[in-house]
Amino acid sequence: MDRDGTMMTRRLVLGGCAGMIGLGLAPAALAKIPASGIKGLIAGASDGALDRLAQPGAFYADTAVRILLPGTSGKLASKLMGAGDKLGLTTKLTKSLNDAGGKAAGEAKPIFRAAIDDLRWNDVPSLVSKRDGATRYLQSSAGGVLGERIQPLVASALDEVGAFRQLDQLSGNNQLLSLAGISHDSLTGSVTQQALKGIFLYMGNEEAALRRNPGKLLKGLF
């Protein structure tokens, strides 16, 4: 890229960053923030959330986003999973589900960036009125699309970490689990939705942090 082109790119980036700074420093002018600033905010939050959850053991370590087997909450859990727990299979499978969620998160940045780029950020005042307004907007506007695009990553990750094999083994030792109808497909769908929910939770927290300290985003751009 020539010098003029480089300078133009720098101006565009700085223009978006100016909008970012406004998020934290000028509440009265929030309605005038350019769309580039909002996109920079949510892109930074997205990258930060995915980086954190892609760390080994991150999903499982945080009970707020821990991925569980479908149908294993409440009173049904003790009956459904009892035999598997005795064999140590349930815990092993649950950890594998969370490992798969982390692997999918590590590969999902381009998918989230594409969804962010495809959105039309028309309702800027409502986006910036909440600490996680941009994340909420992305979740409501593109959550379904993101789920569809991430699900193949989750399916591949579940197979890679051995979760499908462990599920088959657990089902063979626990008739109730088999009767509950937990299949490879239903497991993939459940893990996808739980992982996505966790990603959005972390993204909202990242967005709030960037609003408090826009300089963190600037450091990542230069």
Protein backbone atom coordinates (compact mmCIF):
# COMPACT_ATOMS: atom_id res chain seq x y z
CA MET A 1 0.00 0.00 0.00
CA ASP A 2 1.38 3.46 -0.88
CA ARG A 3 1.83 6.28 1.60
CA ASP A 4 -1.44 8.02 0.68
CA GLY A 5 -3.35 4.77 1.04
CA THR A 6 -1.75 4.09 4.40
CA MET A 7 -2.64 7.55 5.66
CA MET A 8 -6.23 7.13 4.49
CA THR A 9 -6.54 3.80 6.31
CA ARG A 10 -5.11 5.38 9.44
CA ARG A 11 -7.65 8.21 9.24
CA LEU A 12 -10.53 5.75 8.90
CA VAL A 13 -9.34 3.74 11.88
CA LEU A 14 -8.84 6.85 13.95
CA GLY A 15 -12.32 8.02 12.99
CA GLY A 16 -13.77 4.82 14.37
CA CYS A 17 -11.61 5.09 17.46
CA ALA A 18 -12.84 8.62 18.08
CA GLY A 19 -16.31 7.14 18.28
CA MET A 20 -14.97 4.58 20.75
CA ILE A 21 -13.51 7.23 22.98
CA GLY A 22 -16.85 9.01 22.92
CA LEU A 23 -18.46 5.90 24.38
CA GLY A 24 -16.51 6.30 27.57
CA LEU A 25 -16.03 10.05 27.80
CA ALA A 26 -18.95 11.93 26.26
CA PRO A 27 -22.38 10.48 27.20
CA ALA A 28 -24.23 13.53 25.88
CA ALA A 29 -22.89 12.93 22.38
CA LEU A 30 -23.53 9.19 22.16
CA ALA A 31 -26.23 9.51 19.51
CA LYS A 32 -23.70 11.01 17.10
CA ILE A 33 -21.17 8.18 17.31
CA PRO A 34 -20.40 6.77 13.83
CA ALA A 35 -21.23 3.18 13.02
CA SER A 36 -17.51 2.46 12.63
CA GLY A 37 -17.04 3.19 16.33
CA ILE A 38 -19.81 0.78 17.31
CA LYS A 39 -18.39 -1.92 15.05
CA GLY A 40 -14.95 -1.39 16.51
CA LEU A 41 -16.40 -1.75 19.99
CA ILE A 42 -18.25 -5.01 19.35
CA ALA A 43 -15.42 -6.46 17.26
CA GLY A 44 -13.01 -5.83 20.12
CA ALA A 45 -15.44 -7.34 22.61
CA SER A 46 -15.96 -10.36 20.36
CA ASP A 47 -12.24 -10.99 19.93
CA GLY A 48 -11.62 -10.63 23.65
CA ALA A 49 -14.43 -13.00 24.64
CA LEU A 50 -13.42 -15.66 22.12
CA ASP A 51 -9.76 -15.43 23.14
CA ARG A 52 -10.66 -15.95 26.79
CA LEU A 53 -13.01 -18.87 26.19
CA ALA A 54 -10.58 -20.54 23.79
CA GLN A 55 -8.11 -20.98 26.64
CA PRO A 56 -7.87 -24.63 27.78
CA GLY A 57 -10.46 -25.38 30.46
CA ALA A 58 -12.05 -21.90 30.35
CA PHE A 59 -15.63 -23.02 29.78
CA TYR A 60 -15.51 -25.74 32.43
CA ALA A 61 -13.76 -23.58 35.01
CA ASP A 62 -16.51 -20.94 35.01
CA THR A 63 -19.81 -22.31 36.29
CA ALA A 64 -21.60 -19.33 34.70
CA VAL A 65 -20.80 -20.70 31.23
CA ARG A 66 -20.04 -24.37 31.92
CA ILE A 67 -21.55 -26.59 29.23
CA LEU A 68 -23.67 -29.47 30.53
CA LEU A 69 -25.23 -32.54 29.01
CA PRO A 70 -28.78 -31.78 27.81
CA GLY A 71 -31.45 -32.85 30.27
CA THR A 72 -29.08 -33.24 33.21
CA SER A 73 -30.28 -30.42 35.43
CA GLY A 74 -32.71 -30.73 38.33
CA LYS A 75 -34.06 -33.93 39.90
CA LEU A 76 -33.72 -35.90 36.67
CA ALA A 77 -29.95 -35.65 36.89
CA SER A 78 -29.48 -38.12 39.77
CA LYS A 79 -31.54 -40.81 38.05
CA LEU A 80 -30.30 -40.15 34.55
CA MET A 81 -26.61 -39.87 35.29
CA GLY A 82 -26.15 -42.01 38.38
CA ALA A 83 -24.61 -45.04 36.68
CA GLY A 84 -22.35 -42.89 34.56
CA ASP A 85 -21.12 -40.95 37.59
CA LYS A 86 -20.11 -44.18 39.30
CA LEU A 87 -17.97 -45.06 36.31
CA GLY A 88 -16.51 -41.56 36.10
CA LEU A 89 -17.89 -41.20 32.57
CA THR A 90 -20.28 -38.30 33.15
CA THR A 91 -17.62 -35.92 34.43
CA LYS A 92 -15.25 -36.94 31.66
CA LEU A 93 -17.90 -36.35 29.00
CA THR A 94 -18.89 -33.00 30.50
CA LYS A 95 -15.29 -31.85 30.40
CA SER A 96 -15.07 -32.98 26.79
CA LEU A 97 -18.15 -30.91 25.92
CA ASN A 98 -16.47 -27.86 27.41
CA ASP A 99 -13.22 -28.62 25.61
CA ALA A 100 -15.19 -28.76 22.37
CA GLY A 101 -16.82 -25.42 23.16
CA GLY A 102 -13.37 -23.90 23.68
CA LYS A 103 -12.06 -25.31 20.42
CA ALA A 104 -15.06 -23.92 18.53
CA ALA A 105 -14.60 -20.52 20.18
CA GLY A 106 -10.98 -20.48 19.05
CA GLU A 107 -12.06 -20.92 15.45
CA ALA A 108 -15.09 -18.62 15.49
CA LYS A 109 -13.49 -15.17 15.15
CA PRO A 110 -14.01 -14.90 11.37
CA ILE A 111 -17.64 -15.96 11.78
CA PHE A 112 -18.34 -13.30 14.39
CA ARG A 113 -16.46 -10.64 12.42
CA ALA A 114 -18.51 -11.46 9.29
CA ALA A 115 -21.77 -11.22 11.26
CA ILE A 116 -20.69 -7.87 12.71
CA ASP A 117 -19.78 -6.54 9.27
CA ASP A 118 -23.12 -7.69 7.83
CA LEU A 119 -25.22 -5.85 10.41
CA ARG A 120 -26.69 -2.43 9.77
CA TRP A 121 -26.16 -0.40 12.91
CA ASN A 122 -29.13 1.94 12.54
CA ASP A 123 -30.32 2.30 16.12
CA VAL A 124 -27.14 3.78 17.57
CA PRO A 125 -28.70 5.63 20.56
CA SER A 126 -30.17 2.41 21.98
CA LEU A 127 -26.94 0.54 21.28
CA VAL A 128 -24.86 2.86 23.40
CA SER A 129 -27.35 3.41 26.19
CA LYS A 130 -26.47 0.12 27.89
CA ARG A 131 -23.09 -1.20 29.05
CA ASP A 132 -23.57 -4.23 26.77
CA GLY A 133 -25.89 -2.64 24.22
CA ALA A 134 -23.89 -3.62 21.12
CA THR A 135 -23.60 -7.22 22.32
CA ARG A 136 -27.34 -7.39 22.91
CA TYR A 137 -27.97 -5.99 19.45
CA LEU A 138 -25.70 -8.57 17.84
CA GLN A 139 -27.28 -11.39 19.83
CA SER A 140 -30.85 -10.42 18.90
CA SER A 141 -30.05 -9.59 15.28
CA ALA A 142 -27.59 -12.32 14.35
CA GLY A 143 -27.76 -14.92 17.11
CA GLY A 144 -29.59 -17.43 14.91
CA VAL A 145 -27.17 -17.02 12.03
CA LEU A 146 -24.18 -17.32 14.35
CA GLY A 147 -25.59 -20.53 15.78
CA GLU A 148 -25.96 -22.04 12.32
CA ARG A 149 -22.42 -21.08 11.34
CA ILE A 150 -20.81 -22.24 14.57
CA GLN A 151 -22.61 -25.58 14.79
CA PRO A 152 -20.33 -27.33 12.24
CA LEU A 153 -17.31 -26.14 14.26
CA VAL A 154 -18.87 -27.61 17.40
CA ALA A 155 -19.67 -30.92 15.70
CA SER A 156 -16.10 -31.23 14.47
CA ALA A 157 -14.72 -30.31 17.90
CA LEU A 158 -16.99 -32.83 19.67
CA ASP A 159 -15.70 -35.56 17.41
CA GLU A 160 -12.08 -34.42 17.82
CA VAL A 161 -12.14 -34.44 21.63
CA GLY A 162 -13.89 -37.84 21.73
CA ALA A 163 -17.22 -36.61 23.10
CA PHE A 164 -19.32 -38.64 20.66
CA ARG A 165 -17.44 -41.81 21.54
CA GLN A 166 -17.83 -41.08 25.25
CA LEU A 167 -21.56 -40.45 24.78
CA ASP A 168 -21.97 -43.81 23.05
CA GLN A 169 -20.06 -45.50 25.87
CA LEU A 170 -22.12 -43.75 28.52
CA SER A 171 -25.38 -44.62 26.75
CA GLY A 172 -24.33 -48.24 26.63
CA ASN A 173 -23.88 -48.25 30.41
CA ASN A 174 -26.97 -46.21 31.21
CA GLN A 175 -30.29 -47.16 29.66
CA LEU A 176 -32.00 -44.05 31.02
CA LEU A 177 -29.55 -41.88 29.12
CA SER A 178 -30.33 -43.77 25.93
CA LEU A 179 -34.06 -43.45 26.53
CA ALA A 180 -33.65 -39.70 27.08
CA GLY A 181 -32.86 -39.41 23.38
CA ILE A 182 -29.48 -37.73 23.64
CA SER A 183 -27.99 -38.31 20.20
CA HIS A 184 -24.96 -36.94 18.40
CA ASP A 185 -27.17 -34.35 16.69
CA SER A 186 -29.03 -33.27 19.82
CA LEU A 187 -25.76 -33.06 21.73
CA THR A 188 -24.24 -30.88 19.01
CA GLY A 189 -27.23 -28.55 19.05
CA SER A 190 -27.20 -28.26 22.83
CA VAL A 191 -23.47 -27.60 23.05
CA THR A 192 -23.73 -25.01 20.28
CA GLN A 193 -26.47 -23.07 22.06
CA GLN A 194 -24.76 -23.26 25.46
CA ALA A 195 -21.41 -22.20 24.01
CA LEU A 196 -23.03 -19.30 22.16
CA LYS A 197 -24.77 -18.18 25.34
CA GLY A 198 -21.45 -18.22 27.16
CA ILE A 199 -19.73 -16.31 24.38
CA PHE A 200 -22.34 -13.57 24.48
CA LEU A 201 -22.06 -13.36 28.27
CA TYR A 202 -18.30 -12.89 28.04
CA MET A 203 -18.71 -10.50 25.11
CA GLY A 204 -21.04 -8.30 27.13
CA ASN A 205 -18.47 -8.14 29.92
CA GLU A 206 -15.71 -7.33 27.43
CA GLU A 207 -17.84 -4.58 25.90
CA ALA A 208 -18.48 -3.04 29.31
CA ALA A 209 -14.74 -3.09 30.04
CA LEU A 210 -13.94 -1.40 26.73
CA ARG A 211 -16.53 1.30 27.39
CA ARG A 212 -14.84 2.04 30.72
CA ASN A 213 -11.38 2.06 29.16
CA PRO A 214 -11.44 2.72 25.37
CA GLY A 215 -7.65 2.93 25.40
CA LYS A 216 -7.53 -0.87 25.66
CA LEU A 217 -9.04 -1.10 22.19
CA LEU A 218 -6.66 1.51 20.79
CA LYS A 219 -3.67 -0.53 21.98
CA GLY A 220 -4.95 -3.49 19.98
CA LEU A 221 -5.17 -1.43 16.79
CA PHE A 222 -1.61 -0.08 16.67
